[in-house]
Amino acid sequence: MALSKKRKVDTECRVFKEKWTENYLFTEVNAKPVCLVCNQQVAVFKEFNIRRHYETHHKDKYDHLKGQIRKDEINKLVAGLKKQQSTFTRSRDIADGAVRASCIIANELVQASKPFSDGEFVKTCMLKAAEVVCPEKRPAFANISLTRNTVADRVTELSSDLTGQMKEKIKSFIAFSIAIDESTDVTDIAQLAIFVRGVDETLTITEELLELVPMNDTTTADDIFSALVGALDKVGADWSRAVSLATDGAPSMVGRKAGVATKFRDKVQTANGGQEFWAFHCILHQEALCCKTLQMDHVMSVVVKTVNFIRARSKSPSV
């Protein structure tokens, strides 16, 4: 008879509860409970162990803090832990220059839509070039890690850093607007592009792609609105500061009773006390529809011939 495996409590899937942060000064890092004060991990994911650590080591110093003072101290500890864990500041076995170079190359690969495995080919080329141009620097190039897994990790770290920057930027907005567009990609999956444009107290305008949300099921107004709300809540957007929404004018977007624009306006006005809110139709879609509807070939052909005639006889090559 085969013996059954012993139960291991530390390997069980447990969920971190947010109240543990305020009660015991703990947070979750890589599915492990970590103390915000001493950065020590608790082996077993149970409230008893977390409470015992707090009462043994930190209760005397922090238990008297109550209300907003305790919350401010927790926010300070969380910010300190995040700073220690920052990819760009924590110590690594390899040189900081090699890490920065690895991140830069990973960023270039992603922007060029190249596979992660191309990083190894890039490193081979760099080493060959270093042997010819600067042989003494070859060891420095050899320290740059560009394996497929490393490039994937670098891309994940860059993405997390950009997301963090976006959250901080959105928190500084005194007003912002949203533009959304839903389209189907080559795999027949609807993709919802969400853009945000905001201005801060210094009148600095920021415009970024907030998120590209795949709509795997249906694309009703409720589905699109839920995806939009989820994307804004994820970055901590203040709904009371939203002033406008631009859509492509589809029925699900602009329906008077249950359209995305109507739902979005209701949520914003609930947050800002009923202040004025604007919904716009994207001008690019209107232009595209005009081009399809209006038969302007007889005009465009004359314009094109005229432009080509002038360019062919111009003495200036820049015309």
Protein backbone atom coordinates (compact mmCIF):
# COMPACT_ATOMS: atom_id res chain seq x y z
CA MET A 1 0.00 0.00 0.00
CA ALA A 2 1.50 3.30 -1.07
CA LEU A 3 1.95 5.93 1.58
CA SER A 4 0.09 9.21 1.00
CA LYS A 5 2.14 12.36 0.74
CA LYS A 6 2.38 14.48 3.84
CA ARG A 7 0.53 17.77 3.79
CA LYS A 8 2.81 20.79 3.43
CA VAL A 9 1.15 23.93 4.74
CA ASP A 10 3.74 26.28 3.22
CA THR A 11 2.93 25.06 -0.30
CA GLU A 12 -0.82 25.52 -0.02
CA CYS A 13 -2.43 28.28 -2.08
CA ARG A 14 -3.52 30.99 0.34
CA VAL A 15 -4.79 34.49 -0.34
CA PHE A 16 -3.21 37.56 1.24
CA LYS A 17 -5.79 39.72 3.01
CA GLU A 18 -5.52 43.49 2.78
CA LYS A 19 -6.37 43.93 6.45
CA TRP A 20 -3.07 42.27 7.35
CA THR A 21 -1.25 45.32 5.99
CA GLU A 22 -2.96 47.68 8.43
CA ASN A 23 -3.15 45.28 11.35
CA TYR A 24 0.27 43.62 11.16
CA LEU A 25 2.34 45.80 8.76
CA PHE A 26 2.69 43.04 6.15
CA THR A 27 2.46 43.05 2.37
CA GLU A 28 2.60 40.42 -0.36
CA VAL A 29 5.72 40.09 -2.52
CA ASN A 30 5.96 37.26 -5.06
CA ALA A 31 3.17 35.35 -3.29
CA LYS A 32 5.01 35.61 0.04
CA PRO A 33 4.04 37.67 3.13
CA VAL A 34 6.81 40.20 3.81
CA CYS A 35 7.13 42.46 6.85
CA LEU A 36 7.20 46.14 5.89
CA VAL A 37 9.42 47.01 8.86
CA CYS A 38 12.21 44.42 8.75
CA ASN A 39 11.56 42.94 5.25
CA GLN A 40 11.50 39.44 6.73
CA GLN A 41 9.40 36.76 5.06
CA VAL A 42 7.08 34.49 6.99
CA ALA A 43 7.43 30.88 5.91
CA VAL A 44 3.81 29.84 6.36
CA PHE A 45 1.06 31.94 4.75
CA LYS A 46 -1.23 32.05 7.82
CA GLU A 47 -2.60 34.93 9.87
CA PHE A 48 -1.38 33.32 13.09
CA ASN A 49 2.25 33.37 11.95
CA ILE A 50 1.97 36.93 10.63
CA ARG A 51 0.37 38.16 13.85
CA ARG A 52 2.98 36.38 15.96
CA HIS A 53 5.82 38.07 14.05
CA TYR A 54 4.22 41.49 14.51
CA GLU A 55 3.51 41.04 18.22
CA THR A 56 6.99 39.66 18.87
CA HIS A 57 9.07 42.22 16.98
CA HIS A 58 7.11 45.39 16.21
CA LYS A 59 4.05 45.70 18.45
CA ASP A 60 5.71 47.92 21.05
CA LYS A 61 6.82 50.45 18.43
CA TYR A 62 3.80 50.59 16.14
CA ASP A 63 0.76 49.42 18.11
CA HIS A 64 0.09 52.88 19.54
CA LEU A 65 -0.33 54.35 16.03
CA LYS A 66 -4.01 54.67 15.16
CA GLY A 67 -6.20 56.04 12.37
CA GLN A 68 -4.66 58.28 9.73
CA ILE A 69 -1.28 58.38 11.49
CA ARG A 70 -0.98 54.60 11.17
CA LYS A 71 -2.05 54.72 7.51
CA ASP A 72 0.56 57.40 6.76
CA GLU A 73 3.26 55.30 8.42
CA ILE A 74 2.18 52.23 6.43
CA ASN A 75 2.32 54.20 3.17
CA LYS A 76 5.81 55.35 4.10
CA LEU A 77 6.93 51.77 4.78
CA VAL A 78 5.38 50.52 1.53
CA ALA A 79 7.15 53.24 -0.46
CA GLY A 80 10.45 52.33 1.20
CA LEU A 81 10.03 48.64 0.35
CA LYS A 82 9.19 49.41 -3.28
CA LYS A 83 12.27 51.59 -3.53
CA GLN A 84 14.45 48.76 -2.24
CA GLN A 85 12.91 46.33 -4.71
CA SER A 86 13.27 48.62 -7.70
CA THR A 87 14.90 46.82 -10.56
CA PHE A 88 17.05 49.79 -11.40
CA THR A 89 18.43 50.37 -7.90
CA ARG A 90 18.87 47.00 -6.23
CA SER A 91 22.28 45.42 -6.38
CA ARG A 92 22.92 42.69 -8.90
CA ASP A 93 25.69 40.22 -9.53
CA ILE A 94 26.48 41.86 -12.84
CA ALA A 95 27.50 45.47 -13.41
CA ASP A 96 24.87 48.21 -13.61
CA GLY A 97 26.09 49.11 -17.08
CA ALA A 98 25.44 45.59 -18.33
CA VAL A 99 21.93 45.67 -16.88
CA ARG A 100 21.17 49.01 -18.51
CA ALA A 101 22.51 47.76 -21.83
CA SER A 102 20.39 44.62 -21.54
CA CYS A 103 17.28 46.73 -20.87
CA ILE A 104 18.03 49.05 -23.80
CA ILE A 105 18.51 46.16 -26.22
CA ALA A 106 15.37 44.41 -24.94
CA ASN A 107 13.44 47.64 -25.50
CA GLU A 108 14.76 47.91 -29.06
CA LEU A 109 13.82 44.29 -29.80
CA VAL A 110 10.26 44.86 -28.60
CA GLN A 111 9.84 48.11 -30.52
CA ALA A 112 11.04 46.35 -33.67
CA SER A 113 8.63 43.42 -33.02
CA LYS A 114 11.51 40.95 -32.92
CA PRO A 115 11.37 37.63 -31.02
CA PHE A 116 13.08 37.48 -27.63
CA SER A 117 15.46 34.81 -28.94
CA ASP A 118 17.07 37.41 -31.24
CA GLY A 119 18.84 38.77 -28.17
CA GLU A 120 21.36 35.94 -28.34
CA PHE A 121 22.08 36.73 -31.99
CA VAL A 122 22.59 40.40 -31.11
CA LYS A 123 25.05 39.44 -28.38
CA THR A 124 27.00 37.22 -30.78
CA CYS A 125 27.31 40.14 -33.19
CA MET A 126 28.44 42.46 -30.40
CA LEU A 127 31.14 40.05 -29.27
CA LYS A 128 32.43 39.62 -32.83
CA ALA A 129 32.54 43.38 -33.29
CA ALA A 130 34.25 43.89 -29.92
CA GLU A 131 37.00 41.42 -30.85
CA VAL A 132 37.86 43.61 -33.84
CA VAL A 133 37.21 47.13 -32.55
CA CYS A 134 38.08 46.94 -28.84
CA PRO A 135 39.37 43.52 -27.74
CA GLU A 136 40.07 44.80 -24.22
CA LYS A 137 36.36 45.58 -23.77
CA ARG A 138 35.13 42.15 -24.84
CA PRO A 139 34.59 40.93 -21.23
CA ALA A 140 32.27 43.89 -20.60
CA PHE A 141 30.15 42.92 -23.61
CA ALA A 142 30.20 39.28 -22.51
CA ASN A 143 28.58 40.31 -19.19
CA ILE A 144 25.47 41.57 -21.00
CA SER A 145 22.84 38.87 -20.57
CA LEU A 146 20.57 38.58 -23.61
CA THR A 147 19.14 35.09 -23.33
CA ARG A 148 15.51 34.61 -24.27
CA ASN A 149 14.39 34.38 -20.64
CA THR A 150 16.45 37.41 -19.64
CA VAL A 151 15.00 39.53 -22.45
CA ALA A 152 11.50 38.46 -21.37
CA ASP A 153 12.29 39.47 -17.78
CA ARG A 154 13.67 42.83 -18.92
CA VAL A 155 10.53 43.52 -20.94
CA THR A 156 8.36 42.65 -17.93
CA GLU A 157 10.41 44.96 -15.71
CA LEU A 158 10.23 47.80 -18.24
CA SER A 159 6.49 47.31 -18.53
CA SER A 160 6.06 47.43 -14.76
CA ASP A 161 8.19 50.57 -14.55
CA LEU A 162 6.19 52.29 -17.30
CA THR A 163 2.95 51.30 -15.59
CA GLY A 164 4.21 52.82 -12.35
CA GLN A 165 5.16 56.03 -14.13
CA MET A 166 1.73 56.14 -15.76
CA LYS A 167 0.01 55.77 -12.39
CA GLU A 168 2.02 58.62 -10.89
CA LYS A 169 1.35 60.81 -13.93
CA ILE A 170 -2.40 60.17 -13.85
CA LYS A 171 -2.52 61.02 -10.15
CA SER A 172 -1.10 64.46 -10.99
CA PHE A 173 -3.80 65.24 -13.60
CA ILE A 174 -6.20 68.04 -12.75
CA ALA A 175 -8.30 67.06 -15.78
CA PHE A 176 -8.15 64.28 -18.34
CA SER A 177 -10.06 62.92 -21.31
CA ILE A 178 -10.40 59.42 -22.74
CA ALA A 179 -10.49 58.18 -26.33
CA ILE A 180 -11.49 54.61 -27.16
CA ASP A 181 -11.61 52.62 -30.38
CA GLU A 182 -12.62 49.01 -30.89
CA SER A 183 -11.29 47.06 -33.86
CA THR A 184 -10.70 43.43 -34.84
CA ASP A 185 -7.16 42.12 -35.35
CA VAL A 186 -5.90 39.48 -37.79
CA THR A 187 -6.80 36.68 -35.36
CA ASP A 188 -10.45 37.81 -35.35
CA ILE A 189 -10.25 39.06 -31.76
CA ALA A 190 -11.71 42.47 -30.95
CA GLN A 191 -9.16 44.82 -29.38
CA LEU A 192 -10.20 47.89 -27.38
CA ALA A 193 -7.60 50.66 -27.50
CA ILE A 194 -7.87 53.12 -24.60
CA PHE A 195 -6.00 56.43 -24.80
CA VAL A 196 -5.72 59.01 -22.04
CA ARG A 197 -4.83 62.68 -22.38
CA GLY A 198 -4.44 64.84 -19.30
CA VAL A 199 -2.99 68.07 -17.98
CA ASP A 200 -1.33 68.71 -14.62
CA GLU A 201 -0.99 71.86 -12.51
CA THR A 202 1.98 73.06 -14.59
CA LEU A 203 -0.17 72.80 -17.76
CA THR A 204 1.98 69.94 -19.03
CA ILE A 205 -0.08 67.80 -21.41
CA THR A 206 0.46 64.04 -21.49
CA GLU A 207 -1.08 61.71 -24.06
CA GLU A 208 -0.48 57.96 -23.85
CA LEU A 209 -1.95 54.61 -24.79
CA LEU A 210 -3.39 53.49 -21.47
CA GLU A 211 -4.16 49.87 -22.35
CA LEU A 212 -5.04 47.54 -25.21
CA VAL A 213 -7.77 45.25 -23.93
CA PRO A 214 -8.66 42.05 -25.85
CA MET A 215 -12.43 41.51 -25.99
CA ASN A 216 -12.48 37.73 -26.22
CA ASP A 217 -16.25 37.31 -25.92
CA THR A 218 -18.85 39.88 -26.93
CA THR A 219 -18.34 43.59 -27.58
CA THR A 220 -21.55 45.02 -26.18
CA ALA A 221 -21.72 48.39 -24.47
CA ASP A 222 -21.56 46.67 -21.08
CA ASP A 223 -18.44 44.73 -22.07
CA ILE A 224 -16.65 47.81 -23.40
CA PHE A 225 -17.67 49.92 -20.40
CA SER A 226 -16.47 47.23 -17.96
CA ALA A 227 -13.11 47.05 -19.74
CA LEU A 228 -12.81 50.84 -19.69
CA VAL A 229 -13.64 51.07 -15.99
CA GLY A 230 -11.18 48.28 -15.18
CA ALA A 231 -8.36 50.00 -17.07
CA LEU A 232 -8.93 53.34 -15.33
CA ASP A 233 -9.32 51.81 -11.88
CA LYS A 234 -6.12 49.82 -12.40
CA VAL A 235 -4.08 53.03 -12.69
CA GLY A 236 -5.95 54.79 -9.90
CA ALA A 237 -7.64 57.44 -12.05
CA ASP A 238 -9.77 60.03 -10.24
CA TRP A 239 -13.17 59.81 -11.95
CA SER A 240 -14.16 63.29 -10.82
CA ARG A 241 -11.43 64.77 -13.05
CA ALA A 242 -12.63 63.19 -16.31
CA VAL A 243 -14.03 65.85 -18.65
CA SER A 244 -14.67 64.14 -22.00
CA LEU A 245 -14.85 60.89 -23.94
CA ALA A 246 -14.17 60.38 -27.65
CA THR A 247 -15.53 57.31 -29.46
CA ASP A 248 -15.82 56.02 -33.02
CA GLY A 249 -19.56 56.72 -33.10
CA ALA A 250 -20.71 53.09 -33.21
CA PRO A 251 -24.23 52.41 -31.85
CA SER A 252 -22.84 50.58 -28.81
CA MET A 253 -20.68 53.62 -28.07
CA VAL A 254 -23.16 56.48 -28.41
CA GLY A 255 -26.51 54.89 -27.54
CA ARG A 256 -28.61 57.37 -25.56
CA LYS A 257 -29.87 54.89 -22.97
CA ALA A 258 -27.22 52.18 -22.66
CA GLY A 259 -24.26 53.37 -24.74
CA VAL A 260 -20.72 53.49 -23.42
CA ALA A 261 -20.70 57.30 -23.52
CA THR A 262 -23.92 57.46 -21.49
CA LYS A 263 -22.66 55.00 -18.88
CA PHE A 264 -19.32 56.79 -18.69
CA ARG A 265 -21.00 60.20 -18.28
CA ASP A 266 -23.23 58.90 -15.48
CA LYS A 267 -20.28 57.47 -13.57
CA VAL A 268 -18.20 60.64 -13.96
CA GLN A 269 -21.03 62.97 -12.96
CA THR A 270 -21.74 60.80 -9.92
CA ALA A 271 -18.12 61.33 -8.88
CA ASN A 272 -17.88 65.07 -9.64
CA GLY A 273 -21.31 66.15 -8.45
CA GLY A 274 -22.98 66.58 -11.84
CA GLN A 275 -20.46 68.84 -13.56
CA GLU A 276 -20.59 69.20 -17.32
CA PHE A 277 -19.18 66.33 -19.38
CA TRP A 278 -18.63 66.13 -23.15
CA ALA A 279 -18.79 63.17 -25.53
CA PHE A 280 -17.17 63.53 -28.96
CA HIS A 281 -17.17 61.63 -32.24
CA CYS A 282 -13.67 60.88 -33.55
CA ILE A 283 -13.04 63.11 -36.58
CA LEU A 284 -10.85 60.50 -38.31
CA HIS A 285 -13.76 58.08 -38.59
CA GLN A 286 -15.93 60.86 -39.99
CA GLU A 287 -13.29 61.68 -42.59
CA ALA A 288 -13.03 58.02 -43.60
CA LEU A 289 -16.80 57.78 -43.99
CA CYS A 290 -16.84 60.96 -46.09
CA CYS A 291 -14.17 59.56 -48.39
CA LYS A 292 -16.23 56.43 -48.95
CA THR A 293 -19.52 58.27 -49.43
CA LEU A 294 -18.46 61.25 -51.54
CA GLN A 295 -17.36 60.43 -55.08
CA MET A 296 -14.44 62.86 -55.39
CA ASP A 297 -12.30 60.99 -57.93
CA HIS A 298 -12.84 63.65 -60.57
CA VAL A 299 -11.44 66.26 -58.15
CA MET A 300 -8.55 64.19 -56.80
CA SER A 301 -7.35 63.20 -60.27
CA VAL A 302 -7.02 66.86 -61.26
CA VAL A 303 -5.21 67.72 -58.02
CA VAL A 304 -2.77 64.81 -58.39
CA LYS A 305 -2.00 65.69 -62.03
CA THR A 306 -1.42 69.33 -61.08
CA VAL A 307 0.91 68.47 -58.22
CA ASN A 308 2.89 66.02 -60.36
CA PHE A 309 3.16 68.61 -63.14
CA ILE A 310 4.58 71.21 -60.75
CA ARG A 311 7.00 68.76 -59.10
CA ALA A 312 8.31 67.51 -62.47
CA ARG A 313 9.18 71.04 -63.63
CA SER A 314 10.37 72.50 -60.36
CA LYS A 315 13.97 73.70 -60.10
CA SER A 316 14.00 73.08 -56.37
CA PRO A 317 14.42 69.38 -55.39
CA SER A 318 12.56 70.00 -52.11
CA VAL A 319 9.24 70.74 -53.83
